[in-house]
């Protein structure tokens, strides 16, 4: 008796493994929130400390910044350097910190 392979048995379909987690996600709660119900409408309103999304200080990018950023992003994509690609994206969006190093008088 010889060893049979998947190809010889007819089951040569590619093996697909599920990469996404199927377990339920836990909801995060911040500690200082309280829920109150409005007296007249019965609508619940959340009060207390809620977290705002983190925002980055942004400057207005010029057309030259957009062109340079697009070129830098393309170079990073071709040379497979994700840091270079990300730097180009930041330059295009104006979040690269270019105007933050100006000496104020």
N, C-alpha and C. Protein backbone atom coordinates (compact mmCIF):
# COMPACT_ATOMS: atom_id res chain seq x y z
N UNK A 1 0.85 -1.17 0.00
CA UNK A 1 0.00 0.00 0.00
C UNK A 1 0.90 1.23 0.00
N UNK A 2 0.61 2.15 -0.89
CA UNK A 2 1.41 3.36 -0.98
C UNK A 2 0.67 4.53 -0.33
N UNK A 3 1.45 5.50 0.05
CA UNK A 3 0.85 6.69 0.67
C UNK A 3 0.14 7.50 -0.41
N UNK A 4 -1.07 7.92 -0.09
CA UNK A 4 -1.83 8.70 -1.07
C UNK A 4 -1.70 10.19 -0.74
N UNK A 5 -1.56 10.95 -1.78
CA UNK A 5 -1.46 12.40 -1.60
C UNK A 5 -2.82 13.03 -1.87
N UNK A 6 -2.96 14.30 -1.51
CA UNK A 6 -4.22 15.00 -1.74
C UNK A 6 -4.51 15.12 -3.23
N UNK A 7 -3.44 15.27 -4.03
CA UNK A 7 -3.64 15.39 -5.47
C UNK A 7 -4.16 14.09 -6.08
N UNK A 8 -3.67 12.97 -5.57
CA UNK A 8 -4.08 11.68 -6.15
C UNK A 8 -5.48 11.28 -5.72
N UNK A 9 -5.95 11.79 -4.57
CA UNK A 9 -7.29 11.42 -4.10
C UNK A 9 -8.37 12.33 -4.65
N UNK A 10 -7.98 13.42 -5.32
CA UNK A 10 -8.98 14.32 -5.88
C UNK A 10 -9.37 15.46 -4.97
N UNK A 11 -8.80 15.53 -3.77
CA UNK A 11 -9.10 16.60 -2.83
C UNK A 11 -7.97 17.64 -2.84
N UNK A 12 -7.65 18.15 -3.99
CA UNK A 12 -6.51 19.06 -4.10
C UNK A 12 -6.93 20.53 -4.03
N UNK A 13 -8.08 20.79 -3.43
CA UNK A 13 -8.48 22.19 -3.24
C UNK A 13 -7.51 22.86 -2.27
N UNK A 14 -7.27 24.16 -2.43
CA UNK A 14 -6.37 24.82 -1.48
C UNK A 14 -6.99 24.86 -0.08
N UNK A 15 -6.15 24.71 0.91
CA UNK A 15 -6.62 24.77 2.29
C UNK A 15 -6.77 26.23 2.68
N UNK A 16 -7.93 26.59 3.10
CA UNK A 16 -8.20 27.98 3.48
C UNK A 16 -8.38 28.03 4.99
N UNK A 17 -7.56 28.83 5.65
CA UNK A 17 -7.67 28.99 7.09
C UNK A 17 -8.29 30.34 7.38
N UNK A 18 -9.18 30.38 8.33
CA UNK A 18 -9.85 31.62 8.70
C UNK A 18 -8.89 32.46 9.53
N UNK A 19 -8.57 33.66 9.04
CA UNK A 19 -7.62 34.52 9.75
C UNK A 19 -8.30 35.52 10.65
N UNK A 20 -9.60 35.74 10.48
CA UNK A 20 -10.32 36.70 11.29
C UNK A 20 -10.82 36.00 12.54
N UNK A 21 -10.67 36.64 13.69
CA UNK A 21 -11.12 36.06 14.94
C UNK A 21 -12.64 36.07 14.99
N UNK A 22 -13.23 34.95 15.37
CA UNK A 22 -14.69 34.87 15.42
C UNK A 22 -15.23 35.05 16.83
N UNK A 23 -14.37 35.24 17.80
CA UNK A 23 -14.86 35.40 19.17
C UNK A 23 -15.44 36.81 19.34
N UNK A 24 -16.43 36.96 20.20
CA UNK A 24 -17.07 38.27 20.36
C UNK A 24 -16.14 39.28 21.01
N UNK A 25 -16.27 40.53 20.57
CA UNK A 25 -15.44 41.60 21.13
C UNK A 25 -16.10 42.14 22.39
N UNK A 26 -15.26 42.52 23.35
CA UNK A 26 -15.78 43.13 24.56
C UNK A 26 -15.92 44.63 24.35
N UNK A 27 -17.01 45.18 24.84
CA UNK A 27 -17.20 46.62 24.74
C UNK A 27 -16.46 47.28 25.90
N UNK A 28 -15.72 48.35 25.57
CA UNK A 28 -14.99 49.07 26.60
C UNK A 28 -15.88 50.15 27.19
N UNK A 29 -15.81 50.31 28.48
CA UNK A 29 -16.56 51.35 29.14
C UNK A 29 -15.59 52.25 29.87
N UNK A 30 -15.80 53.58 29.72
CA UNK A 30 -14.98 54.49 30.50
C UNK A 30 -15.62 54.61 31.88
N UNK A 31 -14.83 54.83 32.87
CA UNK A 31 -15.29 54.75 34.26
C UNK A 31 -16.27 55.82 34.70
N UNK A 32 -16.24 57.03 34.14
CA UNK A 32 -17.02 58.13 34.70
C UNK A 32 -18.31 58.42 33.97
N UNK A 33 -18.80 57.53 33.15
CA UNK A 33 -20.03 57.82 32.42
C UNK A 33 -21.23 57.33 33.20
N UNK A 34 -22.29 58.11 33.18
CA UNK A 34 -23.54 57.72 33.79
C UNK A 34 -24.64 57.90 32.76
N UNK A 35 -25.67 57.10 32.85
CA UNK A 35 -26.78 57.17 31.92
C UNK A 35 -27.99 57.72 32.65
N UNK A 36 -28.58 58.75 32.09
CA UNK A 36 -29.78 59.33 32.68
C UNK A 36 -30.89 59.28 31.65
N UNK A 37 -32.11 59.11 32.12
CA UNK A 37 -33.26 59.08 31.24
C UNK A 37 -33.99 60.40 31.35
N UNK A 38 -34.30 61.00 30.20
CA UNK A 38 -35.00 62.28 30.20
C UNK A 38 -36.43 62.05 30.67
N UNK A 39 -36.94 62.95 31.49
CA UNK A 39 -38.22 62.78 32.14
C UNK A 39 -39.39 62.79 31.15
N UNK A 40 -39.38 63.68 30.17
CA UNK A 40 -40.54 63.83 29.30
C UNK A 40 -40.51 62.90 28.10
N UNK A 41 -39.33 62.70 27.50
CA UNK A 41 -39.28 61.91 26.27
C UNK A 41 -38.87 60.47 26.50
N UNK A 42 -38.25 60.15 27.62
CA UNK A 42 -37.81 58.80 27.89
C UNK A 42 -36.54 58.43 27.15
N UNK A 43 -35.85 59.44 26.57
CA UNK A 43 -34.63 59.19 25.82
C UNK A 43 -33.46 59.13 26.78
N UNK A 44 -32.61 58.13 26.61
CA UNK A 44 -31.44 58.00 27.48
C UNK A 44 -30.34 58.91 26.97
N UNK A 45 -29.67 59.59 27.89
CA UNK A 45 -28.60 60.52 27.56
C UNK A 45 -27.38 60.14 28.38
N UNK A 46 -26.23 60.07 27.73
CA UNK A 46 -25.01 59.69 28.43
C UNK A 46 -24.26 60.94 28.84
N UNK A 47 -23.93 61.04 30.09
CA UNK A 47 -23.20 62.19 30.60
C UNK A 47 -21.91 61.71 31.25
N UNK A 48 -21.01 62.64 31.53
CA UNK A 48 -19.76 62.27 32.19
C UNK A 48 -18.59 62.39 31.24
N UNK A 49 -17.49 61.78 31.62
CA UNK A 49 -16.26 61.89 30.84
C UNK A 49 -16.31 60.92 29.67
N UNK A 50 -16.30 61.46 28.46
CA UNK A 50 -16.20 60.63 27.27
C UNK A 50 -14.92 61.02 26.54
N UNK A 51 -14.32 60.07 25.89
CA UNK A 51 -13.03 60.32 25.24
C UNK A 51 -13.25 60.81 23.83
N UNK A 52 -12.58 61.88 23.49
CA UNK A 52 -12.62 62.40 22.12
C UNK A 52 -11.54 61.69 21.32
N UNK A 53 -11.72 61.53 20.01
CA UNK A 53 -10.68 60.90 19.21
C UNK A 53 -9.43 61.77 19.15
N UNK A 54 -8.28 61.12 19.10
CA UNK A 54 -7.01 61.84 19.05
C UNK A 54 -6.88 62.53 17.71
N UNK A 55 -6.54 63.80 17.73
CA UNK A 55 -6.35 64.55 16.49
C UNK A 55 -4.93 65.06 16.43
N UNK A 56 -4.41 65.16 15.24
CA UNK A 56 -3.05 65.62 15.03
C UNK A 56 -3.11 67.04 14.52
N UNK A 57 -2.22 67.91 15.00
CA UNK A 57 -2.19 69.28 14.52
C UNK A 57 -1.84 69.27 13.04
N UNK A 58 -2.65 69.98 12.29
CA UNK A 58 -2.53 69.92 10.84
C UNK A 58 -2.29 71.30 10.27
N UNK A 59 -1.37 71.38 9.33
CA UNK A 59 -1.17 72.63 8.62
C UNK A 59 -1.78 72.50 7.25
N UNK A 60 -1.88 73.61 6.54
CA UNK A 60 -2.45 73.58 5.20
C UNK A 60 -1.35 73.20 4.21
N UNK A 61 -1.42 72.02 3.58
CA UNK A 61 -0.38 71.64 2.63
C UNK A 61 -0.51 72.41 1.32
N UNK A 62 0.62 72.87 0.80
CA UNK A 62 0.65 73.56 -0.48
C UNK A 62 0.63 72.54 -1.61
N UNK A 63 0.46 73.02 -2.82
CA UNK A 63 0.45 72.13 -3.98
C UNK A 63 1.79 71.41 -4.12
N UNK A 64 2.88 72.13 -3.82
CA UNK A 64 4.21 71.51 -3.91
C UNK A 64 4.35 70.37 -2.89
N UNK A 65 3.75 70.55 -1.69
CA UNK A 65 3.80 69.48 -0.69
C UNK A 65 3.03 68.25 -1.17
N UNK A 66 1.91 68.48 -1.83
CA UNK A 66 1.12 67.36 -2.33
C UNK A 66 1.86 66.59 -3.42
N UNK A 67 2.55 67.33 -4.30
CA UNK A 67 3.31 66.69 -5.38
C UNK A 67 4.51 65.92 -4.81
N UNK A 68 5.25 66.58 -3.90
CA UNK A 68 6.41 65.91 -3.28
C UNK A 68 5.97 64.69 -2.49
N UNK A 69 4.87 64.83 -1.76
CA UNK A 69 4.37 63.70 -0.98
C UNK A 69 3.94 62.54 -1.84
N UNK A 70 3.29 62.84 -2.97
CA UNK A 70 2.87 61.77 -3.88
C UNK A 70 4.07 61.06 -4.47
N UNK A 71 5.12 61.84 -4.83
CA UNK A 71 6.34 61.23 -5.38
C UNK A 71 7.03 60.36 -4.33
N UNK A 72 7.09 60.86 -3.09
CA UNK A 72 7.73 60.11 -2.01
C UNK A 72 6.94 58.83 -1.70
N UNK A 73 5.62 58.94 -1.75
CA UNK A 73 4.78 57.78 -1.51
C UNK A 73 4.97 56.73 -2.60
N UNK A 74 5.10 57.18 -3.84
CA UNK A 74 5.32 56.26 -4.95
C UNK A 74 6.66 55.55 -4.84
N UNK A 75 7.71 56.30 -4.45
CA UNK A 75 9.04 55.71 -4.27
C UNK A 75 8.99 54.66 -3.16
N UNK A 76 8.30 54.99 -2.06
CA UNK A 76 8.18 54.03 -0.97
C UNK A 76 7.42 52.78 -1.36
N UNK A 77 6.43 52.95 -2.21
CA UNK A 77 5.64 51.81 -2.65
C UNK A 77 6.45 50.90 -3.56
N UNK A 78 7.22 51.51 -4.47
CA UNK A 78 8.01 50.73 -5.43
C UNK A 78 9.16 50.01 -4.73
N UNK A 79 9.83 50.71 -3.81
CA UNK A 79 10.99 50.12 -3.12
C UNK A 79 10.59 49.30 -1.90
N UNK A 80 9.28 49.16 -1.65
CA UNK A 80 8.75 48.38 -0.53
C UNK A 80 9.28 48.88 0.81
N UNK A 81 9.21 50.20 0.99
CA UNK A 81 9.62 50.80 2.27
C UNK A 81 8.40 51.51 2.85
N UNK A 82 7.70 50.86 3.79
CA UNK A 82 6.46 51.42 4.32
C UNK A 82 6.66 52.74 5.06
N UNK A 83 7.83 52.94 5.64
CA UNK A 83 8.09 54.20 6.34
C UNK A 83 8.16 55.38 5.38
N UNK A 84 8.78 55.14 4.23
CA UNK A 84 8.88 56.17 3.20
C UNK A 84 7.49 56.49 2.63
N UNK A 85 6.69 55.46 2.45
CA UNK A 85 5.34 55.63 1.94
C UNK A 85 4.49 56.42 2.93
N UNK A 86 4.63 56.11 4.21
CA UNK A 86 3.87 56.81 5.25
C UNK A 86 4.30 58.26 5.35
N UNK A 87 5.60 58.52 5.18
CA UNK A 87 6.10 59.89 5.22
C UNK A 87 5.51 60.71 4.08
N UNK A 88 5.37 60.10 2.91
CA UNK A 88 4.75 60.78 1.78
C UNK A 88 3.29 61.10 2.05
N UNK A 89 2.60 60.17 2.67
CA UNK A 89 1.20 60.39 3.02
C UNK A 89 1.06 61.53 4.02
N UNK A 90 1.95 61.55 5.02
CA UNK A 90 1.90 62.62 6.02
C UNK A 90 2.19 63.97 5.39
N UNK A 91 3.11 64.00 4.44
CA UNK A 91 3.45 65.25 3.76
C UNK A 91 2.26 65.74 2.95
N UNK A 92 1.55 64.81 2.28
CA UNK A 92 0.40 65.18 1.48
C UNK A 92 -0.74 65.71 2.34
N UNK A 93 -0.91 65.16 3.52
CA UNK A 93 -2.02 65.56 4.39
C UNK A 93 -1.71 66.75 5.27
N UNK A 94 -0.42 67.11 5.37
CA UNK A 94 -0.05 68.25 6.20
C UNK A 94 0.17 67.91 7.65
N UNK A 95 0.37 66.65 7.97
CA UNK A 95 0.59 66.22 9.35
C UNK A 95 2.03 65.80 9.59
N UNK A 96 2.95 66.28 8.76
CA UNK A 96 4.35 65.87 8.89
C UNK A 96 5.11 66.75 9.88
N UNK A 97 4.51 67.77 10.42
CA UNK A 97 5.18 68.62 11.41
C UNK A 97 6.13 69.61 10.79
N UNK A 98 5.95 69.96 9.54
CA UNK A 98 6.88 70.86 8.84
C UNK A 98 6.86 72.25 9.45
N UNK A 99 5.72 72.78 9.83
CA UNK A 99 5.64 74.14 10.35
C UNK A 99 5.85 74.25 11.84
N UNK A 100 6.19 73.17 12.52
CA UNK A 100 6.29 73.20 13.98
C UNK A 100 7.69 73.59 14.48
N UNK A 101 8.66 73.67 13.59
CA UNK A 101 10.03 73.95 14.02
C UNK A 101 10.46 75.38 13.68
N UNK A 102 9.50 76.28 13.54
CA UNK A 102 9.80 77.66 13.18
C UNK A 102 10.12 78.44 14.45
N UNK A 103 11.20 79.18 14.43
CA UNK A 103 11.59 79.96 15.60
C UNK A 103 10.72 81.22 15.67
N UNK A 104 10.02 81.38 16.76
CA UNK A 104 9.13 82.54 16.96
C UNK A 104 9.93 83.69 17.55
N UNK A 105 9.68 84.91 17.06
CA UNK A 105 10.39 86.08 17.57
C UNK A 105 9.48 86.91 18.42
